[in-house]
Protein backbone atom coordinates (compact mmCIF):
# COMPACT_ATOMS: atom_id res chain seq x y z
CA MET A 1 112.01 112.65 117.93
CA ASN A 2 109.18 111.42 116.30
CA ILE A 3 110.17 108.25 113.83
CA PHE A 4 107.59 107.56 111.41
CA ALA A 5 108.29 104.65 109.04
CA ILE A 6 105.80 103.29 106.16
CA ASP A 7 105.89 100.64 103.88
CA LEU A 8 103.39 101.48 101.01
CA GLY A 9 102.86 97.73 99.75
CA ASN A 10 100.67 97.06 96.44
CA LYS A 11 98.46 94.86 98.88
CA ARG A 12 99.17 95.84 102.22
CA ILE A 13 100.30 99.18 104.00
CA LYS A 14 102.81 98.69 106.88
CA MET A 15 103.33 101.19 109.49
CA LYS A 16 105.77 101.65 112.69
CA SER A 17 106.38 104.23 115.24
CA GLU A 18 107.90 103.78 118.70
CA ARG A 19 104.35 103.36 119.88
CA GLY A 20 102.74 101.07 117.70
CA GLU A 21 103.12 98.78 114.58
CA TYR A 22 100.48 98.20 111.85
CA SER A 23 99.61 96.16 108.75
CA TYR A 24 96.26 97.49 106.88
CA PRO A 25 94.91 96.67 103.60
CA SER A 26 95.74 98.62 100.55
CA SER A 27 92.32 99.24 99.98
CA TYR A 28 89.76 101.44 101.60
CA LEU A 29 85.73 102.14 101.24
CA ASN A 30 84.13 105.38 100.45
CA ALA A 31 82.66 106.28 103.98
CA GLU A 32 79.20 107.02 102.27
CA GLN A 33 78.98 104.13 100.37
CA VAL A 34 79.31 102.05 103.83
CA VAL A 35 76.72 104.36 105.57
CA THR A 36 74.22 103.86 102.57
CA GLY A 37 74.90 100.11 102.92
CA GLY A 38 72.36 100.15 105.75
CA LEU A 39 75.17 99.41 108.15
CA GLY A 40 74.36 102.26 110.37
CA SER A 41 77.90 103.00 112.19
CA GLU A 42 80.55 102.54 109.88
CA ILE A 43 83.53 102.34 112.87
CA ILE A 44 83.70 99.27 113.90
CA GLU A 45 86.09 96.57 114.32
CA GLN A 46 89.32 99.14 114.75
CA ASN A 47 88.30 100.93 111.15
CA TYR A 48 88.60 104.67 111.26
CA HIS A 49 87.12 107.60 109.47
CA PHE A 50 89.51 109.71 107.40
CA GLN A 51 89.60 112.79 105.47
CA THR A 52 91.84 115.04 104.34
CA ILE A 53 91.82 118.99 104.46
CA GLN A 54 92.45 119.04 100.76
CA ASP A 55 89.49 116.90 100.02
CA SER A 56 87.51 117.45 102.73
CA THR A 57 84.32 116.83 100.77
CA ASN A 58 85.08 113.17 100.87
CA SER A 59 85.54 110.99 103.58
CA PHE A 60 86.81 107.37 103.52
CA ILE A 61 86.68 104.49 106.18
CA TRP A 62 90.18 102.39 106.41
CA GLY A 63 91.23 99.78 108.95
CA PRO A 64 92.44 96.26 109.26
CA ASN A 65 88.82 94.80 108.98
CA LEU A 66 87.30 96.11 106.30
CA GLU A 67 85.72 92.98 105.28
CA VAL A 68 83.27 93.33 108.24
CA TYR A 69 81.12 95.32 105.73
CA ASN A 70 80.76 92.87 103.09
CA LEU A 71 81.49 95.64 100.32
CA PRO A 72 84.62 93.81 98.45
CA GLU A 73 83.04 95.45 95.05
CA ARG A 74 82.92 98.85 96.84
CA MET A 75 86.98 98.73 97.85
CA ILE A 76 89.17 101.51 96.32
CA ASP A 77 92.34 99.20 95.53
CA THR A 78 95.63 101.29 95.32
CA TYR A 79 97.13 98.43 93.28
CA ALA A 80 99.07 99.60 90.17
CA ARG A 81 102.03 98.58 88.24
CA SER A 82 103.28 102.03 86.94
CA GLY A 83 102.90 105.41 87.98
CA ARG A 84 101.11 104.34 91.52
CA MET A 85 102.47 107.28 93.39
CA LYS A 86 100.98 109.95 90.88
CA GLN A 87 97.35 108.47 91.87
CA LYS A 88 95.17 110.19 93.92
CA LYS A 89 93.90 106.98 95.51
CA THR A 90 97.52 106.16 96.49
CA ILE A 91 98.19 109.29 97.85
CA ARG A 92 95.49 109.36 100.14
CA ILE A 93 96.42 106.04 101.61
CA PHE A 94 99.50 107.76 102.24
CA GLU A 95 98.01 110.53 104.10
CA PHE A 96 95.71 107.72 106.17
CA ALA A 97 98.88 105.97 107.10
CA LEU A 98 100.47 109.02 108.85
CA GLY A 99 97.32 109.53 110.20
CA ARG A 100 96.93 105.99 111.85
CA LEU A 101 100.68 106.59 113.04
CA VAL A 102 99.98 109.65 114.81
CA MET A 103 97.04 108.33 116.59
CA ASP A 104 98.93 107.08 118.97
CA PHE A 105 100.15 110.27 119.96
CA PRO A 106 97.75 112.31 121.89
CA GLU A 107 99.48 115.35 121.74
CA ALA A 108 99.36 116.02 118.25
CA PHE A 109 95.71 116.47 118.27
CA GLU A 110 96.77 119.46 120.49
CA SER A 111 99.72 120.83 118.60
CA PRO A 112 101.46 119.88 115.24
CA LEU A 113 103.80 116.91 115.93
CA VAL A 114 106.84 117.23 113.94
CA VAL A 115 108.33 113.78 112.22
CA HIS A 116 111.43 111.99 110.94
CA LEU A 117 109.96 109.61 107.96
CA MET A 118 111.64 106.74 106.52
CA LEU A 119 110.22 105.14 103.33
CA GLY A 120 111.34 102.60 101.11
CA LEU A 121 111.30 102.16 97.31
CA SER A 122 112.13 99.65 95.05
CA ILE A 123 115.39 99.54 93.54
CA THR A 124 113.88 99.56 90.07
CA ASP A 125 112.38 103.03 90.61
CA MET A 126 115.76 104.52 91.43
CA HIS A 127 116.87 104.59 88.09
CA GLN A 128 117.68 108.35 86.94
CA GLU A 129 114.72 108.09 84.70
CA SER A 130 112.32 107.59 87.63
CA ASP A 131 110.91 110.74 88.68
CA THR A 132 109.46 108.64 91.74
CA ILE A 133 111.95 110.14 94.06
CA ASP A 134 110.75 113.45 93.34
CA MET A 135 107.14 112.47 93.51
CA LEU A 136 107.68 110.97 97.06
CA LYS A 137 109.82 114.11 98.28
CA LYS A 138 106.86 116.97 97.12
CA LEU A 139 104.31 114.41 98.73
CA ALA A 140 106.26 113.99 102.14
CA VAL A 141 107.92 117.27 102.99
CA GLY A 142 105.67 119.91 104.41
CA GLN A 143 102.48 120.14 106.61
CA HIS A 144 99.91 117.41 106.84
CA GLN A 145 96.39 117.92 107.97
CA ILE A 146 93.95 114.82 108.48
CA ILE A 147 90.62 114.59 109.85
CA ILE A 148 90.14 111.56 112.04
CA GLY A 149 86.77 110.54 113.56
CA GLY A 150 86.11 114.32 113.08
CA ARG A 151 89.36 115.96 115.01
CA VAL A 152 91.73 117.16 113.08
CA VAL A 153 95.43 116.24 113.42
CA THR A 154 98.73 117.98 112.06
CA ILE A 155 101.95 116.57 111.04
CA ILE A 156 104.74 118.34 110.07
CA ILE A 157 107.69 117.18 107.99
CA PRO A 158 109.92 120.36 107.79
CA SER A 159 112.34 119.38 104.98
CA GLU A 160 113.89 116.75 103.00
CA GLU A 161 116.76 116.34 105.72
CA PHE A 162 113.52 114.82 108.00
CA LEU A 163 112.72 112.38 105.22
CA SER A 164 115.08 109.42 103.80
CA ILE A 165 114.36 107.11 101.54
CA ILE A 166 115.85 103.92 100.88
CA PRO A 167 115.76 100.83 98.87
CA GLN A 168 112.89 98.78 100.17
CA TYR A 169 114.77 95.37 100.70
CA MET A 170 117.42 97.07 102.88
CA GLY A 171 114.56 97.25 105.56
CA THR A 172 114.76 93.31 105.81
CA VAL A 173 118.73 93.67 105.90
CA LEU A 174 118.65 96.49 108.14
CA ASN A 175 116.20 94.55 110.55
CA LEU A 176 118.34 91.64 110.59
CA ALA A 177 121.80 93.56 111.19
CA PHE A 178 120.58 95.23 113.92
CA ASP A 179 118.92 93.91 117.09
CA GLN A 180 115.99 95.49 119.26
CA ASP A 181 118.71 97.42 121.27
CA TYR A 182 120.68 98.27 118.34
CA GLN A 183 123.14 96.10 118.60
CA ARG A 184 125.21 94.58 115.67
CA ASN A 185 124.58 90.93 114.35
CA ARG A 186 127.90 90.47 112.72
CA ARG A 187 126.23 87.29 110.75
CA PHE A 188 124.12 89.68 108.42
CA SER A 189 125.70 92.98 109.02
CA ASP A 190 128.76 91.73 107.46
CA GLY A 191 127.19 88.79 105.43
CA ARG A 192 126.81 88.35 101.71
CA ILE A 193 122.67 88.51 101.88
CA GLY A 194 120.20 87.85 99.19
CA VAL A 195 116.65 88.93 99.55
CA ILE A 196 113.49 87.74 97.69
CA ASP A 197 110.79 89.78 99.01
CA ILE A 198 107.44 88.45 97.96
CA GLY A 199 105.06 91.14 98.20
CA GLY A 200 101.41 91.70 96.62
CA GLY A 201 102.05 93.05 93.29
CA THR A 202 105.64 92.16 92.78
CA ILE A 203 108.71 89.79 93.66
CA LEU A 204 111.81 91.89 94.00
CA ILE A 205 115.29 90.07 94.12
CA ASN A 206 118.21 91.95 95.42
CA ARG A 207 121.40 91.49 97.10
CA SER A 208 123.40 93.12 100.30
CA VAL A 209 127.31 92.75 100.94
CA ALA A 210 128.37 94.06 104.40
CA LEU A 211 124.99 96.37 104.50
CA ASN A 212 126.27 97.99 100.97
CA PRO A 213 123.02 97.51 98.85
CA SER A 214 123.94 96.33 95.24
CA PRO A 215 122.95 98.82 92.49
CA ILE A 216 121.13 95.97 90.04
CA GLY A 217 118.08 94.36 91.32
CA ASP A 218 115.32 92.09 89.29
CA GLU A 219 111.55 93.25 89.59
CA ARG A 220 108.88 90.75 88.60
CA PHE A 221 105.14 91.64 88.47
CA GLU A 222 104.60 88.02 89.67
CA GLY A 223 103.31 88.58 93.63
CA ILE A 224 100.65 87.42 95.42
CA GLN A 225 98.10 89.10 93.54
CA ASN A 226 98.95 86.21 90.55
CA LEU A 227 98.07 83.69 93.34
CA ILE A 228 94.95 85.47 94.20
CA LYS A 229 93.79 85.85 90.63
CA GLU A 230 94.39 81.99 90.02
CA ILE A 231 92.78 81.13 93.34
CA GLY A 232 89.72 83.29 92.12
CA ARG A 233 89.48 81.69 88.91
CA ARG A 234 89.39 78.39 90.10
CA ILE A 235 86.77 78.76 92.88
CA ASN A 236 84.77 81.38 90.52
CA SER A 237 85.10 84.81 92.48
CA THR A 238 86.30 87.85 91.25
CA LYS A 239 86.74 89.08 95.03
CA SER A 240 90.07 89.46 95.51
CA PHE A 241 89.71 91.34 98.73
CA LEU A 242 87.93 88.57 99.86
CA ILE A 243 90.34 85.79 98.58
CA GLU A 244 93.11 87.70 100.19
CA GLU A 245 91.66 87.81 103.71
CA MET A 246 90.71 84.08 103.37
CA LEU A 247 94.80 83.33 102.99
CA ARG A 248 95.61 85.30 105.95
CA SER A 249 93.27 83.95 108.35
CA VAL A 250 93.14 79.98 108.19
CA ASP A 251 90.39 78.58 110.52
CA SER A 252 91.07 76.57 113.67
CA GLU A 253 91.83 73.17 111.59
CA GLY A 254 94.02 75.11 109.28
CA ASN A 255 91.25 75.35 106.09
CA TYR A 256 90.65 78.07 103.92
CA VAL A 257 87.05 78.91 104.30
CA TYR A 258 85.88 81.25 101.74
CA PRO A 259 82.74 83.51 102.56
CA PRO A 260 81.11 84.52 99.52
CA ASN A 261 79.09 86.87 101.91
CA SER A 262 77.88 87.54 105.50
CA ASN A 263 75.85 84.25 105.52
CA VAL A 264 77.87 81.69 107.43
CA GLN A 265 75.80 78.70 105.61
CA ASP A 266 77.00 79.88 102.06
CA SER A 267 80.92 79.74 103.08
CA LYS A 268 82.82 76.94 101.72
CA ASN A 269 85.95 75.01 102.50
CA VAL A 270 88.11 75.47 99.16
CA SER A 271 91.55 74.13 100.88
CA PRO A 272 92.44 71.65 98.14
CA ILE A 273 92.11 74.33 95.21
CA VAL A 274 93.88 77.20 97.43
CA GLU A 275 96.53 74.33 98.63
CA GLY A 276 96.98 73.26 95.00
CA GLU A 277 97.70 76.61 93.52
CA ILE A 278 99.95 77.55 96.50
CA GLU A 279 102.16 74.68 95.64
CA ARG A 280 102.04 75.46 91.70
CA TYR A 281 102.84 79.19 92.57
CA THR A 282 105.56 77.82 94.35
CA ARG A 283 107.30 75.48 92.36
CA PHE A 284 106.73 77.19 89.09
CA THR A 285 106.99 81.42 90.08
CA VAL A 286 108.87 81.40 92.84
CA ALA A 287 111.55 78.33 92.97
CA PRO A 288 112.89 79.39 89.26
CA LEU A 289 113.57 82.89 90.72
CA VAL A 290 115.95 81.55 93.41
CA THR A 291 117.99 79.57 90.89
CA GLU A 292 117.97 81.96 88.19
CA ASN A 293 118.87 85.15 90.22
CA PHE A 294 121.61 83.37 92.17
CA PRO A 295 123.18 81.17 89.78
CA ASP A 296 126.41 80.45 91.79
CA ILE A 297 124.83 79.47 95.35
CA GLU A 298 128.55 79.79 96.95
CA GLU A 299 128.43 83.95 96.23
CA VAL A 300 125.79 84.42 98.98
CA ASP A 301 126.09 83.34 102.39
CA PHE A 302 122.02 82.94 102.68
CA ILE A 303 119.11 84.12 100.80
CA VAL A 304 116.29 85.72 103.03
CA VAL A 305 113.11 85.00 101.92
CA THR A 306 110.70 88.14 103.02
CA GLY A 307 107.48 89.79 102.34
CA GLY A 308 103.85 89.38 103.37
CA GLY A 309 103.94 86.17 100.41
CA ALA A 310 106.76 84.04 102.30
CA SER A 311 104.55 82.72 104.75
CA LEU A 312 102.27 81.19 102.54
CA LEU A 313 104.74 79.30 100.42
CA ALA A 314 104.87 75.44 100.19
CA LYS A 315 108.31 74.94 101.68
CA GLU A 316 108.17 71.29 100.97
CA ALA A 317 107.50 71.99 97.72
CA LEU A 318 110.34 74.43 97.16
CA LYS A 319 112.75 72.16 98.42
CA ASP A 320 111.83 69.89 95.93
CA GLU A 321 112.20 72.13 93.06
CA ILE A 322 115.62 73.70 93.76
CA GLY A 323 117.45 70.93 95.85
CA GLU A 324 118.94 70.45 99.26
CA GLU A 325 121.76 72.92 98.68
CA TYR A 326 119.85 75.90 97.37
CA PHE A 327 117.21 75.30 100.26
CA SER A 328 119.54 75.16 103.05
CA ARG A 329 120.60 78.70 102.26
CA LEU A 330 117.11 80.17 102.33
CA LEU A 331 116.38 81.93 105.83
CA PHE A 332 112.32 82.34 106.33
CA LEU A 333 111.68 84.95 108.51
CA ASN A 334 108.89 85.02 111.55
CA GLU A 335 106.50 87.92 110.75
CA SER A 336 107.90 88.29 107.59
CA GLU A 337 105.39 91.06 106.82
CA PHE A 338 106.82 93.40 109.22
CA ALA A 339 110.43 92.97 108.07
CA ASN A 340 110.90 95.90 105.84
CA VAL A 341 109.09 98.13 107.99
CA ARG A 342 110.74 97.37 111.19
CA GLY A 343 114.06 97.69 109.22
CA PHE A 344 113.39 101.41 107.92
CA TYR A 345 112.30 102.14 111.70
CA LYS A 346 115.86 100.96 112.63
CA GLY A 347 117.56 102.97 109.87
CA GLY A 348 116.03 105.96 110.72
CA TYR A 349 116.58 105.46 114.70
CA LEU A 350 120.39 105.03 113.69
CA LYS A 351 120.41 107.73 111.18
CA TRP A 352 119.00 110.72 112.97
CA HIS A 353 119.21 109.60 116.75
CA SER A 354 123.19 109.06 116.14
CA SER A 355 123.37 112.37 114.56
CA ASN A 356 121.71 113.93 117.53
CA GLU A 357 124.19 112.10 120.00
CA GLU A 358 127.23 113.29 118.17
CA LEU A 359 126.05 116.63 118.45
CA ALA A 360 125.02 116.28 122.55
CA VAL A 361 128.62 114.71 122.88
CA GLU A 362 130.20 117.81 120.88
CA ALA A 363 128.14 120.11 122.93
CA ARG A 364 129.55 118.87 126.31
CA ARG A 365 132.86 118.80 125.49
CA GLU A 366 132.84 122.72 124.63
CA LYS A 367 130.31 123.83 127.73
CA PRO A 368 131.53 124.22 131.21
CA ALA A 369 130.49 121.45 133.59
CA GLU A 370 127.67 123.79 135.18
CA LEU A 371 125.68 123.77 131.77
CA GLN A 372 125.97 120.06 130.64
CA GLU A 373 122.98 119.02 132.34
CA SER A 374 120.73 121.23 131.04
CA GLN A 375 122.14 120.87 127.53
CA THR A 376 121.42 116.79 127.73
CA ARG A 377 117.38 117.65 128.82
CA ASP A 378 117.33 118.86 125.30
CA VAL A 379 118.78 116.17 123.30
CA ILE A 380 117.50 112.66 122.66
CA VAL A 381 119.91 110.23 123.42
CA PRO A 382 119.51 106.47 122.59
CA PRO A 383 119.81 104.34 125.68
CA ILE A 384 122.54 101.78 124.39
CA ARG A 385 125.51 104.25 125.11
CA ASN A 386 127.80 103.55 127.76
CA THR A 387 130.07 106.27 127.29
CA GLU A 388 129.93 110.04 126.60
CA THR A 389 133.73 110.03 125.51
CA SER A 390 133.19 108.80 121.64
CA MET A 391 130.25 107.59 119.40
CA ASP A 392 130.21 103.71 119.32
CA ARG A 393 132.05 102.81 115.67
CA GLU A 394 129.62 100.18 114.61
CA LEU A 395 126.87 102.38 115.08
CA LEU A 396 128.96 105.39 113.20
CA GLU A 397 129.41 102.90 110.25
CA ALA A 398 126.02 102.10 109.99
CA GLN A 399 124.92 105.78 109.70
CA GLN A 400 127.67 106.22 107.08
CA LYS A 401 126.21 103.38 105.28
CA LEU A 402 122.51 105.25 105.57
CA GLN A 403 124.02 108.23 104.16
CA ALA A 404 125.71 106.47 101.34
CA LEU A 405 122.29 104.92 100.39
CA GLN A 406 120.50 108.51 100.43
CA SER A 407 123.71 110.01 98.44
CA GLU A 408 123.11 106.94 95.79
CA ILE A 409 119.55 108.26 95.73
CA ASP A 410 120.15 111.79 94.98
CA GLY A 411 122.93 110.75 92.20
CA VAL A 412 126.20 111.26 94.47
CA GLN A 413 128.68 108.49 94.85
CA ILE A 414 130.44 108.66 98.22
CA GLU A 415 133.45 106.18 99.05
CA PHE A 416 134.18 105.05 102.62
CA GLU A 417 137.44 104.11 104.09
CA ASN A 418 137.36 100.79 105.38
């Protein structure tokens, strides 16, 4: 079973399968413009040449190191506050993300690869009036043919049963609740968790109690994009892509060095400006959201600060603003940028692998002993099982909660017995 997890962030696209995980910018380049820029070969620094069958007259360059081309003004940025999934530029990058993950499966270049796909969506896009979910279903389900470096690869998501869309922040919750061996961590799985997800375009604030998501969340269009714009204003630059890359890669001495072009002599140390803006962003944008959305701090066990922007915050300034009692409840994650997509993947594993094993167990009960060996060859069974007699109760409970999430998305309310 092949599980793909994709987090379509406004500033970064995060992707994960069993064979790799990646974070690429939510921007790409038109390949023709790259070549005409006098660079010769466009395939450098792990950047790749993508086309789709439906749009084969155009080709694009996408990868983790687009800054090497020094073409920030030609970046096709998929950032948008509304209607993002209806825009062609975003639909393309979704196809590119599928293509990047499938590159780790050489067999997919010979025959179609069937995939189970996990996607996350902001809780504010899950209200009845929103058509985003229907858009994602139409976009995801079916056959995807992508041309990568001149070779065609085919991915198939056969039906909606192979697609799961869950609240975005639940990725972080699931990532904490289950370890790498899918064993439950009860501190997180049974806890009362607040989540502040600082993304590129938005800050999302939500809660989860014992893996049950809160139906009410808050979304503020005050993500890292605002910080980038303010830094750009201070250093007199409109090249937001270069500013973002600067924030992600300080030099060996911890300085923020802004490269306006490929000439090293023109690069300048802007650390005092950047650090000052980060502190202001922390104090006057993020800190008020903590106390405003969690006015009774005793109602949560801890508040997870996640998302790509979490690592940028000035923690001492945050502590000074909100006080020790609040700050002591904050949990900052290592590699917070990947927290959601890793949780999406774990959720997919629990949802689909658990279902497969349950079927396998029932089949073994019904079939004669001499047929059991051949049956198990065709069924993917997760390695964490120690018996064949019953399904692990904790994984069954987690699977039920994931099914509840999906049912809530479809407008169906399901109650579980304790």
